Structure formats: C-alpha cells, structure tokens
C-alpha cells in the first residue's frame, strides 16, 4: 500500500528535515493517514489484541513512514497495553531513535502504562533517568507530559535535577518542555523550581514561556 505511493521527489526533503538520519518513502502526512485508515479498516487489526510483532515488523523497515504508522497503531491501542509491554517500548525508544519517535512513545504509551501500573516507575523508569542512553533520559522526563493535575511533581523535579547539567540539546529541550507543560497546571511551583535550580538557558527559556 505504501510502496505504491512512493514519491522520490518528496522523499528527499523529508529526509533532510530529519537530518538525513532516515530514508523516507515520500508520503506526506495527509495521504499517509488516509492509507492507514484504509489499512486498519480492511484488516480489522484494531479489533484484535495488541500485536507486538506488527509493531516490530514496521519498526524494522527502513523508511520512516513505517515507524510513524507503528506509532499510530500504538496510540490506537493504548487501552490494551499491559505492564509487560513497557520493556517492549523501551526497546523501541532505543532503536532508530530520534525526537519524532521518542516524543510519541514517552507521553502516550509509556505514560499510559505508568498510570495504570505505577510500580513500573520504581522498577524501570527510575533507571531511565540516569541511563547513558539520552533517549531513555528524555523519555523519563517526558512520560508525565499529559498528566496535568496527576503529575508527580517531586518525581518530575527529581528527574530534571538528575539531568540539569547535561549538555545534550535534546535533554535541555525536554526539561524545558516538561516544565512549560506543567506550568499550565502549577505555574507557581514551576517558577519557584526554575529560580531555585541551576538549569541550562535553553531549559529556562522553554520552561518559562507561560510564566508571568
């Protein structure tokens, strides 16, 4: 289905936008979404139990659009995810890693599992926050991104403090993004945290966007 829609003219700029990390078929988002909708309707895959093998099959393909479809499938399968799926998600985070996949995996499927099975925070996600893999560290900072009032503030700040001295752009940006999002729920707390901690200028700038 995707192969028939390959567009070499569009594939090259899409590849360049992702810093040449991944090849693309050249299928732009509107068409890809139409094809995905058609595929899921024809296969009834969404009515079946969560299928790790399907996700892996897409993840192992070269072109990035396949990983995007895997992420769509994951998002449509959030309620089916079980505690045991977290290690599967961890493997996805560290495979073909870039912001476009990690930023979909962390706040959605990882965040869903951590809410349903909070024990995984101590068992697994705590380890991500100090892991040598920057994408796992980024995921630990971002997994509560959609929690709003349910955010474990102490945990968020603890993970940020563990990574506050990082020179990695993607860590500094994640810290700022997480603080900015939480500032919509608790601006006073975020303001105090920024003032009381040594954070990178990028993190401060991003985290302070909604603070007066």
N, C-alpha and C. Protein backbone atom coordinates (compact mmCIF):
# COMPACT_ATOMS: atom_id res chain seq x y z
N UNK A 1 0.83 -1.21 0.00
CA UNK A 1 0.00 0.00 0.00
C UNK A 1 0.87 1.26 0.00
N UNK A 2 1.86 1.29 0.89
CA UNK A 2 2.77 2.43 0.95
C UNK A 2 3.67 2.48 -0.28
N UNK A 3 4.12 1.30 -0.73
CA UNK A 3 5.06 1.26 -1.85
C UNK A 3 4.46 1.90 -3.10
N UNK A 4 3.19 1.68 -3.32
CA UNK A 4 2.53 2.25 -4.50
C UNK A 4 2.47 3.77 -4.43
N UNK A 5 2.62 4.32 -3.24
CA UNK A 5 2.53 5.78 -3.07
C UNK A 5 3.90 6.43 -2.90
N UNK A 6 4.94 5.66 -3.13
CA UNK A 6 6.31 6.20 -3.01
C UNK A 6 6.47 7.42 -3.91
N UNK A 7 7.09 8.47 -3.35
CA UNK A 7 7.28 9.72 -4.10
C UNK A 7 8.70 10.20 -3.85
N UNK A 8 9.58 9.90 -4.79
CA UNK A 8 11.00 10.22 -4.62
C UNK A 8 11.25 11.72 -4.52
N UNK A 9 10.41 12.49 -5.19
CA UNK A 9 10.58 13.95 -5.16
C UNK A 9 10.35 14.51 -3.76
N UNK A 10 9.39 13.96 -3.04
CA UNK A 10 9.11 14.43 -1.68
C UNK A 10 9.99 13.73 -0.64
N UNK A 11 10.51 12.56 -1.00
CA UNK A 11 11.29 11.79 -0.03
C UNK A 11 12.57 12.52 0.39
N UNK A 12 13.21 13.18 -0.54
CA UNK A 12 14.50 13.81 -0.25
C UNK A 12 14.38 14.96 0.75
N UNK A 13 13.46 15.92 0.55
CA UNK A 13 13.33 16.98 1.57
C UNK A 13 12.87 16.46 2.93
N UNK A 14 12.07 15.41 2.95
CA UNK A 14 11.64 14.83 4.22
C UNK A 14 12.84 14.22 4.95
N UNK A 15 13.71 13.58 4.18
CA UNK A 15 14.93 13.00 4.76
C UNK A 15 15.83 14.10 5.32
N UNK A 16 15.96 15.19 4.58
CA UNK A 16 16.82 16.30 5.03
C UNK A 16 16.26 16.94 6.29
N UNK A 17 14.94 17.04 6.40
CA UNK A 17 14.31 17.62 7.58
C UNK A 17 14.68 16.82 8.83
N UNK A 18 14.86 15.53 8.65
CA UNK A 18 15.25 14.66 9.77
C UNK A 18 16.77 14.47 9.80
N UNK A 19 17.49 15.46 9.30
CA UNK A 19 18.96 15.48 9.37
C UNK A 19 19.60 14.25 8.72
N UNK A 20 18.93 13.70 7.70
CA UNK A 20 19.45 12.55 6.96
C UNK A 20 19.63 11.30 7.81
N UNK A 21 18.90 11.22 8.91
CA UNK A 21 19.00 10.04 9.77
C UNK A 21 18.26 8.84 9.20
N UNK A 22 17.17 9.11 8.44
CA UNK A 22 16.32 8.01 7.98
C UNK A 22 15.87 8.25 6.54
N UNK A 23 15.76 7.19 5.74
CA UNK A 23 15.16 7.33 4.41
C UNK A 23 13.65 7.45 4.52
N UNK A 24 13.03 8.03 3.54
CA UNK A 24 11.58 8.20 3.50
C UNK A 24 11.02 7.68 2.19
N UNK A 25 9.78 7.27 2.24
CA UNK A 25 9.07 6.91 1.01
C UNK A 25 8.62 8.16 0.27
N UNK A 26 8.46 9.24 1.02
CA UNK A 26 7.98 10.48 0.42
C UNK A 26 6.46 10.61 0.49
N UNK A 27 5.85 9.93 1.46
CA UNK A 27 4.39 10.00 1.63
C UNK A 27 4.08 11.06 2.68
N UNK A 28 3.45 12.14 2.28
CA UNK A 28 3.15 13.21 3.23
C UNK A 28 2.02 12.79 4.17
N UNK A 29 1.97 13.47 5.30
CA UNK A 29 1.10 13.08 6.40
C UNK A 29 -0.38 12.89 6.02
N UNK A 30 -1.01 13.80 5.27
CA UNK A 30 -2.44 13.59 4.93
C UNK A 30 -2.69 12.29 4.18
N UNK A 31 -1.85 12.00 3.18
CA UNK A 31 -2.03 10.76 2.42
C UNK A 31 -1.72 9.54 3.29
N UNK A 32 -0.67 9.63 4.10
CA UNK A 32 -0.33 8.51 4.98
C UNK A 32 -1.50 8.19 5.91
N UNK A 33 -2.14 9.20 6.45
CA UNK A 33 -3.26 8.97 7.35
C UNK A 33 -4.43 8.31 6.64
N UNK A 34 -4.65 8.69 5.38
CA UNK A 34 -5.70 8.05 4.59
C UNK A 34 -5.40 6.58 4.36
N UNK A 35 -4.15 6.29 4.02
CA UNK A 35 -3.74 4.90 3.77
C UNK A 35 -3.82 4.07 5.04
N UNK A 36 -3.42 4.68 6.17
CA UNK A 36 -3.51 3.97 7.45
C UNK A 36 -4.96 3.64 7.80
N UNK A 37 -5.83 4.62 7.59
CA UNK A 37 -7.25 4.42 7.89
C UNK A 37 -7.81 3.27 7.05
N UNK A 38 -7.45 3.26 5.79
CA UNK A 38 -7.90 2.20 4.88
C UNK A 38 -7.35 0.84 5.33
N UNK A 39 -6.07 0.82 5.70
CA UNK A 39 -5.43 -0.43 6.12
C UNK A 39 -6.09 -1.00 7.38
N UNK A 40 -6.28 -0.16 8.38
CA UNK A 40 -6.87 -0.64 9.64
C UNK A 40 -8.32 -1.10 9.44
N UNK A 41 -9.02 -0.44 8.52
CA UNK A 41 -10.40 -0.84 8.24
C UNK A 41 -10.44 -2.19 7.54
N UNK A 42 -9.54 -2.40 6.60
CA UNK A 42 -9.54 -3.64 5.82
C UNK A 42 -9.04 -4.84 6.63
N UNK A 43 -8.14 -4.59 7.57
CA UNK A 43 -7.52 -5.70 8.30
C UNK A 43 -8.20 -6.02 9.63
N UNK A 44 -8.99 -5.07 10.15
CA UNK A 44 -9.61 -5.23 11.48
C UNK A 44 -8.57 -5.43 12.58
N UNK A 45 -7.36 -4.98 12.34
CA UNK A 45 -6.27 -5.18 13.30
C UNK A 45 -6.55 -4.50 14.64
N UNK A 46 -7.26 -3.40 14.60
CA UNK A 46 -7.52 -2.65 15.83
C UNK A 46 -8.54 -3.34 16.72
N UNK A 47 -9.24 -4.34 16.18
CA UNK A 47 -10.22 -5.07 16.98
C UNK A 47 -9.59 -6.30 17.64
N UNK A 48 -8.33 -6.55 17.33
CA UNK A 48 -7.63 -7.71 17.86
C UNK A 48 -6.76 -7.30 19.05
N UNK A 49 -6.23 -8.26 19.83
CA UNK A 49 -5.32 -7.92 20.93
C UNK A 49 -4.09 -7.20 20.40
N UNK A 50 -3.44 -6.46 21.28
CA UNK A 50 -2.24 -5.70 20.90
C UNK A 50 -1.20 -6.65 20.30
N UNK A 51 -0.65 -6.25 19.16
CA UNK A 51 0.24 -7.11 18.39
C UNK A 51 1.65 -6.52 18.32
N UNK A 52 2.53 -7.00 19.19
CA UNK A 52 3.92 -6.52 19.19
C UNK A 52 4.62 -6.84 17.88
N UNK A 53 4.33 -7.99 17.31
CA UNK A 53 5.01 -8.41 16.08
C UNK A 53 4.72 -7.45 14.93
N UNK A 54 3.51 -6.96 14.88
CA UNK A 54 3.15 -5.98 13.84
C UNK A 54 3.98 -4.71 14.00
N UNK A 55 4.09 -4.24 15.24
CA UNK A 55 4.88 -3.03 15.51
C UNK A 55 6.34 -3.26 15.12
N UNK A 56 6.89 -4.41 15.51
CA UNK A 56 8.29 -4.72 15.20
C UNK A 56 8.53 -4.81 13.70
N UNK A 57 7.58 -5.39 13.00
CA UNK A 57 7.71 -5.51 11.55
C UNK A 57 7.84 -4.12 10.91
N UNK A 58 7.02 -3.19 11.39
CA UNK A 58 7.08 -1.82 10.87
C UNK A 58 8.36 -1.13 11.32
N UNK A 59 8.76 -1.37 12.56
CA UNK A 59 9.96 -0.71 13.11
C UNK A 59 11.22 -1.15 12.37
N UNK A 60 11.22 -2.38 11.88
CA UNK A 60 12.39 -2.92 11.22
C UNK A 60 12.51 -2.50 9.76
N UNK A 61 11.48 -1.90 9.22
CA UNK A 61 11.55 -1.42 7.84
C UNK A 61 12.38 -0.14 7.78
N UNK A 62 12.97 0.11 6.65
CA UNK A 62 13.91 1.22 6.52
C UNK A 62 13.23 2.58 6.56
N UNK A 63 12.18 2.74 5.79
CA UNK A 63 11.59 4.07 5.61
C UNK A 63 10.82 4.51 6.85
N UNK A 64 10.94 5.79 7.16
CA UNK A 64 10.41 6.33 8.42
C UNK A 64 8.90 6.28 8.50
N UNK A 65 8.22 6.35 7.39
CA UNK A 65 6.76 6.32 7.43
C UNK A 65 6.23 5.07 8.12
N UNK A 66 6.97 3.96 8.01
CA UNK A 66 6.53 2.73 8.65
C UNK A 66 6.56 2.86 10.18
N UNK A 67 7.58 3.54 10.69
CA UNK A 67 7.63 3.77 12.14
C UNK A 67 6.49 4.70 12.58
N UNK A 68 6.15 5.68 11.73
CA UNK A 68 5.04 6.56 12.08
C UNK A 68 3.72 5.79 12.16
N UNK A 69 3.55 4.83 11.26
CA UNK A 69 2.33 4.02 11.30
C UNK A 69 2.31 3.14 12.54
N UNK A 70 3.48 2.63 12.94
CA UNK A 70 3.56 1.86 14.18
C UNK A 70 3.14 2.71 15.37
N UNK A 71 3.53 3.98 15.37
CA UNK A 71 3.16 4.89 16.46
C UNK A 71 1.66 5.15 16.46
N UNK A 72 1.07 5.27 15.28
CA UNK A 72 -0.38 5.45 15.19
C UNK A 72 -1.09 4.23 15.76
N UNK A 73 -0.61 3.05 15.39
CA UNK A 73 -1.19 1.81 15.92
C UNK A 73 -1.08 1.76 17.44
N UNK A 74 0.08 2.13 17.97
CA UNK A 74 0.27 2.15 19.42
C UNK A 74 -0.71 3.11 20.10
N UNK A 75 -0.87 4.29 19.50
CA UNK A 75 -1.78 5.27 20.10
C UNK A 75 -3.22 4.77 20.10
N UNK A 76 -3.59 4.04 19.05
CA UNK A 76 -4.94 3.50 18.97
C UNK A 76 -5.12 2.26 19.84
N UNK A 77 -4.01 1.77 20.40
CA UNK A 77 -4.06 0.55 21.22
C UNK A 77 -3.72 0.82 22.68
N UNK A 78 -3.75 2.06 23.11
CA UNK A 78 -3.29 2.42 24.46
C UNK A 78 -3.99 1.62 25.55
N UNK A 79 -5.30 1.44 25.43
CA UNK A 79 -6.06 0.77 26.48
C UNK A 79 -5.74 -0.72 26.56
N UNK A 80 -5.10 -1.26 25.53
CA UNK A 80 -4.76 -2.69 25.51
C UNK A 80 -3.39 -2.97 26.11
N UNK A 81 -2.61 -1.93 26.33
CA UNK A 81 -1.24 -2.13 26.78
C UNK A 81 -1.20 -2.67 28.21
N UNK A 82 -0.27 -3.58 28.44
CA UNK A 82 -0.08 -4.19 29.75
C UNK A 82 1.29 -3.80 30.32
N UNK A 83 1.45 -4.07 31.57
CA UNK A 83 2.71 -3.75 32.25
C UNK A 83 3.91 -4.33 31.51
N UNK A 84 3.76 -5.55 31.02
CA UNK A 84 4.87 -6.24 30.36
C UNK A 84 5.30 -5.55 29.07
N UNK A 85 4.43 -4.72 28.50
CA UNK A 85 4.75 -4.04 27.24
C UNK A 85 5.76 -2.91 27.43
N UNK A 86 6.03 -2.52 28.67
CA UNK A 86 6.96 -1.41 28.89
C UNK A 86 8.36 -1.74 28.37
N UNK A 87 8.82 -2.95 28.58
CA UNK A 87 10.15 -3.31 28.10
C UNK A 87 10.21 -3.34 26.58
N UNK A 88 9.10 -3.69 25.97
CA UNK A 88 8.99 -3.63 24.52
C UNK A 88 9.11 -2.18 24.05
N UNK A 89 8.43 -1.28 24.75
CA UNK A 89 8.51 0.15 24.41
C UNK A 89 9.92 0.69 24.63
N UNK A 90 10.58 0.21 25.67
CA UNK A 90 11.96 0.63 25.93
C UNK A 90 12.85 0.28 24.73
N UNK A 91 12.66 -0.90 24.17
CA UNK A 91 13.44 -1.29 23.00
C UNK A 91 13.15 -0.40 21.80
N UNK A 92 11.91 0.01 21.65
CA UNK A 92 11.56 0.92 20.56
C UNK A 92 12.23 2.29 20.76
N UNK A 93 12.26 2.75 22.01
CA UNK A 93 12.86 4.06 22.31
C UNK A 93 14.34 4.09 21.91
N UNK A 94 15.04 2.99 22.14
CA UNK A 94 16.48 2.98 21.89
C UNK A 94 16.84 2.46 20.50
N UNK A 95 15.83 2.17 19.68
CA UNK A 95 16.06 1.67 18.33
C UNK A 95 15.56 2.69 17.32
N UNK A 96 16.40 3.05 16.36
CA UNK A 96 16.06 4.08 15.37
C UNK A 96 15.61 5.35 16.07
N UNK A 97 16.36 5.74 17.09
CA UNK A 97 15.95 6.82 17.99
C UNK A 97 16.11 8.19 17.36
N UNK A 98 15.10 9.00 17.52
CA UNK A 98 15.14 10.42 17.21
C UNK A 98 13.94 11.04 17.88
N UNK A 99 13.89 12.37 17.91
CA UNK A 99 12.82 13.03 18.66
C UNK A 99 11.42 12.65 18.16
N UNK A 100 11.29 12.38 16.87
CA UNK A 100 9.95 12.16 16.31
C UNK A 100 9.30 10.89 16.85
N UNK A 101 10.10 9.85 17.10
CA UNK A 101 9.52 8.63 17.67
C UNK A 101 9.47 8.68 19.18
N UNK A 102 10.56 9.13 19.80
CA UNK A 102 10.62 9.15 21.27
C UNK A 102 9.55 10.05 21.86
N UNK A 103 9.28 11.18 21.21
CA UNK A 103 8.29 12.12 21.74
C UNK A 103 6.86 11.64 21.56
N UNK A 104 6.67 10.60 20.76
CA UNK A 104 5.36 9.96 20.68
C UNK A 104 5.26 8.79 21.65
N UNK A 105 6.37 8.09 21.84
CA UNK A 105 6.37 6.93 22.73
C UNK A 105 6.28 7.31 24.21
N UNK A 106 7.01 8.35 24.61
CA UNK A 106 7.11 8.67 26.04
C UNK A 106 5.79 9.15 26.66
N UNK A 107 5.15 10.21 26.14
CA UNK A 107 3.96 10.71 26.82
C UNK A 107 2.70 9.88 26.58
N UNK A 108 2.72 9.04 25.54
CA UNK A 108 1.49 8.29 25.22
C UNK A 108 1.56 6.86 25.75
N UNK A 109 2.15 5.89 25.03
CA UNK A 109 2.15 4.52 25.57
C UNK A 109 2.89 4.36 26.89
N UNK A 110 4.07 4.97 27.02
CA UNK A 110 4.78 4.85 28.30
C UNK A 110 3.99 5.53 29.41
N UNK A 111 3.49 6.71 29.14
CA UNK A 111 2.69 7.42 30.13
C UNK A 111 1.44 6.66 30.52
N UNK A 112 0.82 5.98 29.55
CA UNK A 112 -0.38 5.18 29.83
C UNK A 112 -0.07 4.02 30.76
N UNK A 113 1.01 3.30 30.46
CA UNK A 113 1.38 2.15 31.29
C UNK A 113 1.75 2.59 32.71
N UNK A 114 2.49 3.69 32.82
CA UNK A 114 2.92 4.18 34.14
C UNK A 114 1.73 4.63 34.98
N UNK A 115 0.68 5.11 34.34
CA UNK A 115 -0.52 5.48 35.10
C UNK A 115 -1.28 4.25 35.57
N UNK A 116 -1.36 3.25 34.72
CA UNK A 116 -2.09 2.02 35.06
C UNK A 116 -1.32 1.15 36.05
N UNK A 117 0.01 1.17 35.91
CA UNK A 117 0.87 0.32 36.74
C UNK A 117 1.99 1.17 37.33
N UNK A 118 1.68 2.01 38.33
CA UNK A 118 2.67 2.96 38.85
C UNK A 118 3.94 2.31 39.40
N UNK A 119 3.88 1.03 39.71
CA UNK A 119 5.07 0.37 40.21
C UNK A 119 6.20 0.33 39.18
N UNK A 120 5.87 0.50 37.91
CA UNK A 120 6.92 0.45 36.88
C UNK A 120 7.85 1.66 36.98
N UNK A 121 7.40 2.70 37.65
CA UNK A 121 8.25 3.89 37.81
C UNK A 121 9.49 3.51 38.62
N UNK A 122 9.24 2.88 39.75
CA UNK A 122 10.37 2.45 40.59
C UNK A 122 11.15 1.32 39.94
N UNK A 123 10.44 0.40 39.30
CA UNK A 123 11.07 -0.78 38.73
C UNK A 123 11.91 -0.47 37.49
N UNK A 124 11.44 0.48 36.67
CA UNK A 124 12.06 0.69 35.36
C UNK A 124 12.40 2.14 35.04
N UNK A 125 11.43 3.04 35.17
CA UNK A 125 11.62 4.40 34.67
C UNK A 125 12.65 5.16 35.50
N UNK A 126 12.74 4.88 36.78
CA UNK A 126 13.79 5.50 37.60
C UNK A 126 15.17 5.25 37.00
N UNK A 127 15.36 4.06 36.48
CA UNK A 127 16.64 3.73 35.85
C UNK A 127 16.88 4.48 34.57
N UNK A 128 15.79 4.79 33.84
CA UNK A 128 15.95 5.56 32.61
C UNK A 128 16.53 6.94 32.88
N UNK A 129 16.12 7.54 33.99
CA UNK A 129 16.50 8.92 34.28
C UNK A 129 18.00 9.11 34.43
N UNK A 130 18.71 8.03 34.73
CA UNK A 130 20.17 8.11 34.88
C UNK A 130 20.89 7.22 33.86
N UNK A 131 20.16 6.78 32.84
CA UNK A 131 20.73 5.87 31.85
C UNK A 131 21.69 6.61 30.93
N UNK A 132 22.68 5.89 30.41
CA UNK A 132 23.63 6.52 29.48
C UNK A 132 22.99 6.84 28.14
N UNK A 133 21.85 6.20 27.86
CA UNK A 133 21.14 6.48 26.61
C UNK A 133 20.31 7.76 26.76
N UNK A 134 20.62 8.76 25.97
CA UNK A 134 19.96 10.06 26.14
C UNK A 134 18.46 9.99 25.85
N UNK A 135 18.05 9.06 24.99
CA UNK A 135 16.63 8.98 24.63
C UNK A 135 15.81 8.38 25.77
N UNK A 136 16.40 7.48 26.53
CA UNK A 136 15.70 6.98 27.72
C UNK A 136 15.61 8.08 28.77
N UNK A 137 16.66 8.88 28.90
CA UNK A 137 16.60 10.00 29.84
C UNK A 137 15.53 11.00 29.40
N UNK A 138 15.47 11.27 28.12
CA UNK A 138 14.45 12.19 27.61
C UNK A 138 13.05 11.62 27.88
N UNK A 139 12.89 10.31 27.65
CA UNK A 139 11.59 9.68 27.89
C UNK A 139 11.18 9.76 29.35
N UNK A 140 12.13 9.62 30.28
CA UNK A 140 11.80 9.70 31.70
C UNK A 140 11.30 11.10 32.07
N UNK A 141 11.85 12.11 31.43
CA UNK A 141 11.44 13.48 31.71
C UNK A 141 10.07 13.79 31.11
N UNK A 142 9.75 13.13 29.99
CA UNK A 142 8.54 13.47 29.25
C UNK A 142 7.35 12.55 29.50
N UNK A 143 7.53 11.44 30.21
CA UNK A 143 6.43 10.48 30.27
C UNK A 143 5.21 11.02 31.00
N UNK A 144 5.38 12.03 31.86
CA UNK A 144 4.24 12.63 32.57
C UNK A 144 3.68 13.86 31.85
N UNK A 145 4.10 14.08 30.64
CA UNK A 145 3.78 15.33 29.95
C UNK A 145 2.28 15.63 29.90
N UNK A 146 1.45 14.60 29.80
CA UNK A 146 -0.01 14.80 29.67
C UNK A 146 -0.75 14.59 30.98
N UNK A 147 -0.02 14.45 32.08
CA UNK A 147 -0.67 14.10 33.35
C UNK A 147 -1.41 15.26 34.02
N UNK A 148 -1.00 16.49 33.73
CA UNK A 148 -1.64 17.67 34.33
C UNK A 148 -1.68 17.56 35.86
N UNK A 149 -2.90 17.58 36.46
CA UNK A 149 -3.02 17.55 37.92
C UNK A 149 -2.51 16.24 38.52
N UNK A 150 -2.39 15.22 37.73
CA UNK A 150 -1.93 13.93 38.22
C UNK A 150 -0.40 13.80 38.17
N UNK A 151 0.26 14.85 37.75
CA UNK A 151 1.72 14.83 37.70
C UNK A 151 2.31 14.61 39.08
N UNK A 152 3.26 13.69 39.15
CA UNK A 152 4.04 13.51 40.38
C UNK A 152 5.15 14.56 40.33
N UNK A 153 4.88 15.67 40.96
CA UNK A 153 5.78 16.83 40.88
C UNK A 153 7.18 16.50 41.40
N UNK A 154 7.25 15.84 42.52
CA UNK A 154 8.56 15.51 43.10
C UNK A 154 9.39 14.65 42.15
N UNK A 155 8.71 13.70 41.52
CA UNK A 155 9.39 12.82 40.58
C UNK A 155 9.88 13.59 39.35
N UNK A 156 9.03 14.45 38.82
CA UNK A 156 9.41 15.28 37.66
C UNK A 156 10.65 16.10 37.99
N UNK A 157 10.63 16.77 39.12
CA UNK A 157 11.75 17.62 39.50
C UNK A 157 13.01 16.80 39.79
N UNK A 158 12.82 15.63 40.36
CA UNK A 158 13.95 14.74 40.65
C UNK A 158 14.65 14.34 39.33
N UNK A 159 13.87 13.96 38.34
CA UNK A 159 14.45 13.55 37.06
C UNK A 159 15.14 14.73 36.36
N UNK A 160 14.54 15.89 36.48
CA UNK A 160 15.14 17.08 35.88
C UNK A 160 16.46 17.41 36.56
N UNK A 161 16.48 17.36 37.89
CA UNK A 161 17.72 17.65 38.62
C UNK A 161 18.83 16.68 38.27
N UNK A 162 18.47 15.42 38.03
CA UNK A 162 19.47 14.42 37.64
C UNK A 162 20.11 14.75 36.29
N UNK A 163 19.39 15.49 35.47
CA UNK A 163 19.85 15.76 34.11
C UNK A 163 20.12 17.24 33.84
N UNK A 164 20.05 18.05 34.89
CA UNK A 164 20.14 19.50 34.72
C UNK A 164 21.48 19.96 34.16
N UNK A 165 22.54 19.20 34.41
CA UNK A 165 23.86 19.62 33.94
C UNK A 165 24.21 19.02 32.58
N UNK A 166 23.26 18.36 31.96
CA UNK A 166 23.52 17.75 30.65
C UNK A 166 23.75 18.81 29.58
N UNK A 167 24.71 18.55 28.72
CA UNK A 167 24.99 19.45 27.60
C UNK A 167 24.21 19.04 26.35
N UNK A 168 23.48 17.94 26.45
CA UNK A 168 22.71 17.44 25.30
C UNK A 168 21.53 18.35 25.01
N UNK A 169 21.43 18.81 23.77
CA UNK A 169 20.32 19.66 23.35
C UNK A 169 18.97 19.01 23.65
N UNK A 170 18.84 17.72 23.32
CA UNK A 170 17.55 17.06 23.46
C UNK A 170 17.15 16.85 24.92
N UNK A 171 18.12 16.84 25.82
CA UNK A 171 17.80 16.77 27.25
C UNK A 171 17.39 18.15 27.76
N UNK A 172 18.15 19.16 27.40
CA UNK A 172 17.81 20.53 27.81
C UNK A 172 16.43 20.93 27.29
N UNK A 173 16.15 20.54 26.06
CA UNK A 173 14.86 20.88 25.45
C UNK A 173 13.72 20.14 26.15
N UNK A 174 13.96 18.86 26.49
CA UNK A 174 12.93 18.07 27.18
C UNK A 174 12.61 18.67 28.55
N UNK A 175 13.65 19.09 29.25
CA UNK A 175 13.44 19.72 30.56
C UNK A 175 12.56 20.95 30.42
N UNK A 176 12.88 21.79 29.45
CA UNK A 176 12.09 22.99 29.22
C UNK A 176 10.65 22.67 28.83
N UNK A 177 10.49 21.68 27.98
CA UNK A 177 9.15 21.29 27.52
C UNK A 177 8.31 20.76 28.68
N UNK A 178 8.92 19.90 29.50
CA UNK A 178 8.19 19.33 30.64
C UNK A 178 7.78 20.42 31.63
N UNK A 179 8.70 21.35 31.90
CA UNK A 179 8.38 22.45 32.82
C UNK A 179 7.31 23.36 32.23
N UNK A 180 7.41 23.64 30.95
CA UNK A 180 6.42 24.51 30.30
C UNK A 180 5.03 23.89 30.39
N UNK A 181 4.96 22.58 30.12
CA UNK A 181 3.66 21.90 30.14
C UNK A 181 3.10 21.87 31.56
N UNK A 182 3.95 21.58 32.54
CA UNK A 182 3.47 21.52 33.92
C UNK A 182 3.12 22.91 34.45
N UNK A 183 3.74 23.95 33.89
CA UNK A 183 3.42 25.32 34.33
C UNK A 183 1.98 25.70 34.02
N UNK A 184 1.35 25.00 33.07
CA UNK A 184 -0.07 25.25 32.78
C UNK A 184 -0.95 24.78 33.94
N UNK A 185 -0.44 23.83 34.72
CA UNK A 185 -1.17 23.28 35.86
C UNK A 185 -0.76 23.95 37.17
N UNK A 186 0.55 24.14 37.35
CA UNK A 186 1.05 24.69 38.61
C UNK A 186 2.16 25.71 38.34
N UNK A 187 1.81 26.89 37.86
CA UNK A 187 2.82 27.89 37.48
C UNK A 187 3.70 28.34 38.64
N UNK A 188 3.13 28.47 39.83
CA UNK A 188 3.91 28.94 40.98
C UNK A 188 5.02 27.95 41.32
N UNK A 189 4.69 26.69 41.28
CA UNK A 189 5.67 25.65 41.59
C UNK A 189 6.80 25.64 40.57
N UNK A 190 6.46 25.74 39.30
CA UNK A 190 7.47 25.73 38.24
C UNK A 190 8.35 26.97 38.34
N UNK A 191 7.76 28.10 38.61
CA UNK A 191 8.53 29.34 38.75
C UNK A 191 9.54 29.21 39.88
N UNK A 192 9.09 28.68 41.00
CA UNK A 192 9.98 28.50 42.15
C UNK A 192 11.10 27.51 41.83
N UNK A 193 10.74 26.43 41.13
CA UNK A 193 11.75 25.42 40.79
C UNK A 193 12.81 26.01 39.87
N UNK A 194 12.41 26.77 38.88
CA UNK A 194 13.37 27.38 37.95
C UNK A 194 14.29 28.35 38.69
N UNK A 195 13.72 29.10 39.61
CA UNK A 195 14.51 30.08 40.36
C UNK A 195 15.50 29.41 41.32
N UNK A 196 15.14 28.24 41.83
CA UNK A 196 15.94 27.59 42.86
C UNK A 196 16.95 26.58 42.33
N UNK A 197 16.95 26.35 41.01
CA UNK A 197 17.83 25.32 40.45
C UNK A 197 18.67 25.86 39.30
N UNK A 198 19.84 25.27 39.14
CA UNK A 198 20.74 25.64 38.05
C UNK A 198 20.34 24.86 36.81
N UNK A 199 19.70 25.54 35.89
CA UNK A 199 19.24 24.92 34.65
C UNK A 199 19.91 25.59 33.46
N UNK A 200 19.98 24.86 32.36
CA UNK A 200 20.55 25.42 31.13
C UNK A 200 19.66 26.56 30.64
N UNK A 201 20.25 27.58 30.02
CA UNK A 201 19.45 28.69 29.49
C UNK A 201 18.30 28.24 28.59
N UNK A 202 18.56 27.22 27.75
CA UNK A 202 17.50 26.71 26.88
C UNK A 202 16.34 26.16 27.70
N UNK A 203 16.64 25.42 28.75
CA UNK A 203 15.59 24.85 29.61
C UNK A 203 14.80 25.95 30.30
N UNK A 204 15.50 26.98 30.76
CA UNK A 204 14.82 28.10 31.43
C UNK A 204 13.93 28.84 30.45
N UNK A 205 14.46 29.11 29.29
CA UNK A 205 13.68 29.84 28.27
C UNK A 205 12.41 29.08 27.89
N UNK A 206 12.56 27.78 27.62
CA UNK A 206 11.40 26.97 27.23
C UNK A 206 10.44 26.80 28.40
N UNK A 207 10.97 26.57 29.59
CA UNK A 207 10.11 26.33 30.75
C UNK A 207 9.35 27.54 31.23
N UNK A 208 9.85 28.72 30.88
CA UNK A 208 9.27 29.97 31.39
C UNK A 208 8.26 30.61 30.44
N UNK A 209 8.02 30.00 29.32
CA UNK A 209 7.21 30.65 28.26
C UNK A 209 5.83 31.09 28.73
N UNK A 210 5.20 30.31 29.63
CA UNK A 210 3.85 30.66 30.07
C UNK A 210 3.83 31.30 31.45
N UNK A 211 5.01 31.60 31.99
CA UNK A 211 5.07 32.21 33.32
C UNK A 211 5.11 33.73 33.19
N UNK A 212 4.38 34.39 34.08
CA UNK A 212 4.38 35.86 34.04
C UNK A 212 5.53 36.38 34.90
